[in-house]
Amino acid sequence: MYGVSDNKTVWWDNRFASKLDYAPKDSSEVFRAKVDAQPMPADDDPAMVYQGGAFVASGPFGDK
């Protein structure tokens, strides 16, 4: 189960969250201009390929 912020654009489909009495109250929209001002990563950058942003490239990787 999860719930997401009340953003204009979202990764997940939140339309059925109200059936669980979930109603998002906050939005990250106030940060959009700052984020949009950053250069876009390459299409094959893990932050673009996988949900999780830059954190997906931080490891650990392999058998440890």
PDB file of N, CA and C in Angstrom:
ATOM      1  N   MET A   1       0.843  -1.155   0.000  1.00  0.00           N
ATOM      2  CA  MET A   1       0.000   0.000   0.000  1.00  0.00           C
ATOM      3  C   MET A   1       0.898   1.230   0.000  1.00  0.00           C
ATOM      4  N   TYR A   2       0.477   2.247  -0.712  1.00  0.00           N
ATOM      5  CA  TYR A   2       1.238   3.490  -0.762  1.00  0.00           C
ATOM      6  C   TYR A   2       0.290   4.639  -1.069  1.00  0.00           C
ATOM      7  N   GLY A   3       0.750   5.822  -0.824  1.00  0.00           N
ATOM      8  CA  GLY A   3       0.044   7.030  -1.200  1.00  0.00           C
ATOM      9  C   GLY A   3       1.067   8.024  -1.697  1.00  0.00           C
ATOM     10  N   VAL A   4       0.677   8.848  -2.622  1.00  0.00           N
ATOM     11  CA  VAL A   4       1.607   9.819  -3.184  1.00  0.00           C
ATOM     12  C   VAL A   4       1.090  11.231  -2.979  1.00  0.00           C
ATOM     13  N   SER A   5       1.984  12.173  -3.093  1.00  0.00           N
ATOM     14  CA  SER A   5       1.633  13.584  -2.915  1.00  0.00           C
ATOM     15  C   SER A   5       0.636  14.040  -3.970  1.00  0.00           C
ATOM     16  N   ASP A   6       0.044  15.167  -3.738  1.00  0.00           N
ATOM     17  CA  ASP A   6      -0.951  15.741  -4.636  1.00  0.00           C
ATOM     18  C   ASP A   6      -0.248  16.585  -5.705  1.00  0.00           C
ATOM     19  N   ASN A   7       0.562  15.939  -6.533  1.00  0.00           N
ATOM     20  CA  ASN A   7       1.315  16.638  -7.572  1.00  0.00           C
ATOM     21  C   ASN A   7       0.549  16.636  -8.891  1.00  0.00           C
ATOM     22  N   LYS A   8       0.869  17.596  -9.762  1.00  0.00           N
ATOM     23  CA  LYS A   8       0.235  17.644 -11.085  1.00  0.00           C
ATOM     24  C   LYS A   8       0.640  16.447 -11.926  1.00  0.00           C
ATOM     25  N   THR A   9       1.915  16.061 -11.851  1.00  0.00           N
ATOM     26  CA  THR A   9       2.393  14.877 -12.561  1.00  0.00           C
ATOM     27  C   THR A   9       2.864  13.868 -11.528  1.00  0.00           C
ATOM     28  N   VAL A  10       2.530  12.616 -11.742  1.00  0.00           N
ATOM     29  CA  VAL A  10       2.868  11.571 -10.776  1.00  0.00           C
ATOM     30  C   VAL A  10       3.388  10.329 -11.485  1.00  0.00           C
ATOM     31  N   TRP A  11       4.147   9.542 -10.749  1.00  0.00           N
ATOM     32  CA  TRP A  11       4.655   8.268 -11.260  1.00  0.00           C
ATOM     33  C   TRP A  11       3.587   7.189 -11.111  1.00  0.00           C
ATOM     34  N   TRP A  12       2.867   7.202  -9.999  1.00  0.00           N
ATOM     35  CA  TRP A  12       1.892   6.172  -9.685  1.00  0.00           C
ATOM     36  C   TRP A  12       0.473   6.658  -9.931  1.00  0.00           C
ATOM     37  N   ASP A  13      -0.419   5.708 -10.094  1.00  0.00           N
ATOM     38  CA  ASP A  13      -1.847   5.978 -10.232  1.00  0.00           C
ATOM     39  C   ASP A  13      -2.442   6.032  -8.825  1.00  0.00           C
ATOM     40  N   ASN A  14      -2.962   7.171  -8.444  1.00  0.00           N
ATOM     41  CA  ASN A  14      -3.464   7.398  -7.084  1.00  0.00           C
ATOM     42  C   ASN A  14      -4.991   7.471  -7.034  1.00  0.00           C
ATOM     43  N   ARG A  15      -5.650   7.161  -8.150  1.00  0.00           N
ATOM     44  CA  ARG A  15      -7.089   7.433  -8.232  1.00  0.00           C
ATOM     45  C   ARG A  15      -7.959   6.616  -7.286  1.00  0.00           C
ATOM     46  N   PHE A  16      -7.485   5.462  -6.824  1.00  0.00           N
ATOM     47  CA  PHE A  16      -8.303   4.646  -5.923  1.00  0.00           C
ATOM     48  C   PHE A  16      -7.932   4.825  -4.451  1.00  0.00           C
ATOM     49  N   ALA A  17      -7.015   5.711  -4.167  1.00  0.00           N
ATOM     50  CA  ALA A  17      -6.565   5.919  -2.786  1.00  0.00           C
ATOM     51  C   ALA A  17      -7.698   6.369  -1.869  1.00  0.00           C
ATOM     52  N   SER A  18      -8.671   7.073  -2.420  1.00  0.00           N
ATOM     53  CA  SER A  18      -9.776   7.557  -1.585  1.00  0.00           C
ATOM     54  C   SER A  18     -10.596   6.406  -1.006  1.00  0.00           C
ATOM     55  N   LYS A  19     -10.565   5.237  -1.627  1.00  0.00           N
ATOM     56  CA  LYS A  19     -11.280   4.071  -1.086  1.00  0.00           C
ATOM     57  C   LYS A  19     -10.695   3.639   0.255  1.00  0.00           C
ATOM     58  N   LEU A  20      -9.459   4.055   0.522  1.00  0.00           N
ATOM     59  CA  LEU A  20      -8.805   3.761   1.800  1.00  0.00           C
ATOM     60  C   LEU A  20      -8.815   4.978   2.721  1.00  0.00           C
ATOM     61  N   ASP A  21      -9.634   5.962   2.372  1.00  0.00           N
ATOM     62  CA  ASP A  21      -9.707   7.230   3.105  1.00  0.00           C
ATOM     63  C   ASP A  21      -8.395   8.001   3.068  1.00  0.00           C
ATOM     64  N   TYR A  22      -7.603   7.790   2.012  1.00  0.00           N
ATOM     65  CA  TYR A  22      -6.363   8.549   1.843  1.00  0.00           C
ATOM     66  C   TYR A  22      -6.645   9.729   0.932  1.00  0.00           C
ATOM     67  N   ALA A  23      -6.244  10.907   1.373  1.00  0.00           N
ATOM     68  CA  ALA A  23      -6.367  12.118   0.567  1.00  0.00           C
ATOM     69  C   ALA A  23      -5.063  12.898   0.705  1.00  0.00           C
ATOM     70  N   PRO A  24      -4.274  12.997  -0.373  1.00  0.00           N
ATOM     71  CA  PRO A  24      -3.004  13.722  -0.278  1.00  0.00           C
ATOM     72  C   PRO A  24      -3.233  15.186   0.057  1.00  0.00           C
ATOM     73  N   LYS A  25      -2.346  15.730   0.876  1.00  0.00           N
ATOM     74  CA  LYS A  25      -2.476  17.120   1.310  1.00  0.00           C
ATOM     75  C   LYS A  25      -1.352  17.999   0.794  1.00  0.00           C
ATOM     76  N   ASP A  26      -0.204  17.408   0.526  1.00  0.00           N
ATOM     77  CA  ASP A  26       0.970  18.188   0.144  1.00  0.00           C
ATOM     78  C   ASP A  26       1.339  17.949  -1.311  1.00  0.00           C
ATOM     79  N   SER A  27       2.093  18.886  -1.865  1.00  0.00           N
ATOM     80  CA  SER A  27       2.561  18.784  -3.238  1.00  0.00           C
ATOM     81  C   SER A  27       4.005  19.254  -3.304  1.00  0.00           C
ATOM     82  N   SER A  28       4.777  18.621  -4.166  1.00  0.00           N
ATOM     83  CA  SER A  28       6.163  19.057  -4.376  1.00  0.00           C
ATOM     84  C   SER A  28       6.250  20.102  -5.487  1.00  0.00           C
ATOM     85  N   GLU A  29       5.120  20.564  -5.946  1.00  0.00           N
ATOM     86  CA  GLU A  29       5.062  21.525  -7.052  1.00  0.00           C
ATOM     87  C   GLU A  29       5.860  22.798  -6.757  1.00  0.00           C
ATOM     88  N   VAL A  30       6.004  23.170  -5.498  1.00  0.00           N
ATOM     89  CA  VAL A  30       6.759  24.379  -5.144  1.00  0.00           C
ATOM     90  C   VAL A  30       8.233  24.255  -5.519  1.00  0.00           C
ATOM     91  N   PHE A  31       8.713  23.027  -5.737  1.00  0.00           N
ATOM     92  CA  PHE A  31      10.114  22.795  -6.108  1.00  0.00           C
ATOM     93  C   PHE A  31      10.315  22.614  -7.610  1.00  0.00           C
ATOM     94  N   ARG A  32       9.234  22.621  -8.392  1.00  0.00           N
ATOM     95  CA  ARG A  32       9.314  22.302  -9.819  1.00  0.00           C
ATOM     96  C   ARG A  32      10.288  23.193 -10.578  1.00  0.00           C
ATOM     97  N   ALA A  33      10.272  24.485 -10.378  1.00  0.00           N
ATOM     98  CA  ALA A  33      11.157  25.389 -11.124  1.00  0.00           C
ATOM     99  C   ALA A  33      12.622  25.049 -10.874  1.00  0.00           C
ATOM    100  N   LYS A  34      12.961  24.747  -9.630  1.00  0.00           N
ATOM    101  CA  LYS A  34      14.347  24.400  -9.297  1.00  0.00           C
ATOM    102  C   LYS A  34      14.756  23.087  -9.968  1.00  0.00           C
ATOM    103  N   VAL A  35      13.875  22.117  -9.946  1.00  0.00           N
ATOM    104  CA  VAL A  35      14.166  20.823 -10.574  1.00  0.00           C
ATOM    105  C   VAL A  35      14.250  20.972 -12.089  1.00  0.00           C
ATOM    106  N   ASP A  36      13.307  21.688 -12.677  1.00  0.00           N
ATOM    107  CA  ASP A  36      13.301  21.869 -14.130  1.00  0.00           C
ATOM    108  C   ASP A  36      14.513  22.644 -14.627  1.00  0.00           C
ATOM    109  N   ALA A  37      15.145  23.425 -13.762  1.00  0.00           N
ATOM    110  CA  ALA A  37      16.324  24.201 -14.153  1.00  0.00           C
ATOM    111  C   ALA A  37      17.579  23.332 -14.253  1.00  0.00           C
ATOM    112  N   GLN A  38      17.526  22.120 -13.709  1.00  0.00           N
ATOM    113  CA  GLN A  38      18.674  21.209 -13.755  1.00  0.00           C
ATOM    114  C   GLN A  38      18.765  20.554 -15.134  1.00  0.00           C
ATOM    115  N   PRO A  39      19.991  20.240 -15.591  1.00  0.00           N
ATOM    116  CA  PRO A  39      20.113  19.529 -16.873  1.00  0.00           C
ATOM    117  C   PRO A  39      19.524  18.120 -16.759  1.00  0.00           C
ATOM    118  N   MET A  40      18.925  17.664 -17.837  1.00  0.00           N
ATOM    119  CA  MET A  40      18.344  16.327 -17.861  1.00  0.00           C
ATOM    120  C   MET A  40      19.443  15.275 -17.938  1.00  0.00           C
ATOM    121  N   PRO A  41      19.330  14.193 -17.172  1.00  0.00           N
ATOM    122  CA  PRO A  41      20.284  13.087 -17.291  1.00  0.00           C
ATOM    123  C   PRO A  41      20.117  12.398 -18.651  1.00  0.00           C
ATOM    124  N   ALA A  42      21.118  11.640 -19.052  1.00  0.00           N
ATOM    125  CA  ALA A  42      21.035  10.870 -20.296  1.00  0.00           C
ATOM    126  C   ALA A  42      19.897   9.851 -20.195  1.00  0.00           C
ATOM    127  N   ASP A  43      19.334   9.465 -21.332  1.00  0.00           N
ATOM    128  CA  ASP A  43      18.222   8.512 -21.341  1.00  0.00           C
ATOM    129  C   ASP A  43      18.560   7.182 -20.682  1.00  0.00           C
ATOM    130  N   ASP A  44      19.849   6.774 -20.727  1.00  0.00           N
ATOM    131  CA  ASP A  44      20.229   5.493 -20.132  1.00  0.00           C
ATOM    132  C   ASP A  44      20.737   5.623 -18.691  1.00  0.00           C
ATOM    133  N   ASP A  45      20.686   6.816 -18.138  1.00  0.00           N
ATOM    134  CA  ASP A  45      21.070   7.031 -16.738  1.00  0.00           C
ATOM    135  C   ASP A  45      20.082   6.264 -15.852  1.00  0.00           C
ATOM    136  N   PRO A  46      20.574   5.512 -14.862  1.00  0.00           N
ATOM    137  CA  PRO A  46      19.665   4.761 -13.987  1.00  0.00           C
ATOM    138  C   PRO A  46      18.565   5.627 -13.364  1.00  0.00           C
ATOM    139  N   ALA A  47      18.844   6.891 -13.117  1.00  0.00           N
ATOM    140  CA  ALA A  47      17.838   7.789 -12.541  1.00  0.00           C
ATOM    141  C   ALA A  47      16.666   8.005 -13.489  1.00  0.00           C
ATOM    142  N   MET A  48      16.896   7.820 -14.791  1.00  0.00           N
ATOM    143  CA  MET A  48      15.831   7.971 -15.782  1.00  0.00           C
ATOM    144  C   MET A  48      15.144   6.638 -16.080  1.00  0.00           C
ATOM    145  N   VAL A  49      15.864   5.551 -15.907  1.00  0.00           N
ATOM    146  CA  VAL A  49      15.353   4.231 -16.266  1.00  0.00           C
ATOM    147  C   VAL A  49      14.515   3.617 -15.149  1.00  0.00           C
ATOM    148  N   TYR A  50      14.951   3.791 -13.901  1.00  0.00           N
ATOM    149  CA  TYR A  50      14.308   3.131 -12.766  1.00  0.00           C
ATOM    150  C   TYR A  50      13.665   4.133 -11.822  1.00  0.00           C
ATOM    151  N   GLN A  51      12.554   3.757 -11.239  1.00  0.00           N
ATOM    152  CA  GLN A  51      11.908   4.586 -10.238  1.00  0.00           C
ATOM    153  C   GLN A  51      12.790   4.586  -9.003  1.00  0.00           C
ATOM    154  N   GLY A  52      13.154   5.763  -8.516  1.00  0.00           N
ATOM    155  CA  GLY A  52      14.041   5.892  -7.370  1.00  0.00           C
ATOM    156  C   GLY A  52      15.076   6.979  -7.573  1.00  0.00           C
ATOM    157  N   GLY A  53      15.106   7.544  -8.777  1.00  0.00           N
ATOM    158  CA  GLY A  53      16.013   8.654  -9.051  1.00  0.00           C
ATOM    159  C   GLY A  53      17.467   8.291  -8.859  1.00  0.00           C
ATOM    160  N   ALA A  54      18.254   9.249  -8.423  1.00  0.00           N
ATOM    161  CA  ALA A  54      19.697   9.070  -8.273  1.00  0.00           C
ATOM    162  C   ALA A  54      20.050   7.987  -7.260  1.00  0.00           C
ATOM    163  N   PHE A  55      19.150   7.664  -6.358  1.00  0.00           N
ATOM    164  CA  PHE A  55      19.435   6.657  -5.335  1.00  0.00           C
ATOM    165  C   PHE A  55      19.664   5.265  -5.921  1.00  0.00           C
ATOM    166  N   VAL A  56      19.129   4.985  -7.115  1.00  0.00           N
ATOM    167  CA  VAL A  56      19.295   3.647  -7.691  1.00  0.00           C
ATOM    168  C   VAL A  56      20.734   3.378  -8.123  1.00  0.00           C
ATOM    169  N   ALA A  57      21.558   4.403  -8.218  1.00  0.00           N
ATOM    170  CA  ALA A  57      22.951   4.234  -8.641  1.00  0.00           C
ATOM    171  C   ALA A  57      23.923   4.217  -7.462  1.00  0.00           C
ATOM    172  N   SER A  58      23.425   4.299  -6.233  1.00  0.00           N
ATOM    173  CA  SER A  58      24.314   4.429  -5.082  1.00  0.00           C
ATOM    174  C   SER A  58      24.797   3.103  -4.500  1.00  0.00           C
ATOM    175  N   GLY A  59      24.258   1.968  -4.958  1.00  0.00           N
ATOM    176  CA  GLY A  59      24.721   0.662  -4.486  1.00  0.00           C
ATOM    177  C   GLY A  59      24.198   0.342  -3.100  1.00  0.00           C
ATOM    178  N   PRO A  60      24.650  -0.731  -2.509  1.00  0.00           N
ATOM    179  CA  PRO A  60      25.723  -1.627  -2.939  1.00  0.00           C
ATOM    180  C   PRO A  60      25.266  -2.529  -4.079  1.00  0.00           C
ATOM    181  N   PHE A  61      26.217  -2.966  -4.879  1.00  0.00           N
ATOM    182  CA  PHE A  61      25.942  -3.846  -6.003  1.00  0.00           C
ATOM    183  C   PHE A  61      26.750  -5.125  -5.855  1.00  0.00           C
ATOM    184  N   GLY A  62      26.259  -6.203  -6.423  1.00  0.00           N
ATOM    185  CA  GLY A  62      26.978  -7.467  -6.385  1.00  0.00           C
ATOM    186  C   GLY A  62      26.735  -8.221  -5.098  1.00  0.00           C
ATOM    187  N   ASP A  63      27.476  -9.305  -4.951  1.00  0.00           N
ATOM    188  CA  ASP A  63      27.357 -10.153  -3.765  1.00  0.00           C
ATOM    189  C   ASP A  63      28.321  -9.685  -2.696  1.00  0.00           C
ATOM    190  N   LYS A  64      27.800  -9.119  -1.639  1.00  0.00           N
ATOM    191  CA  LYS A  64      28.638  -8.656  -0.530  1.00  0.00           C
ATOM    192  C   LYS A  64      28.133  -9.230   0.749  1.00  0.00           C
TER     193      LYS A  64
END
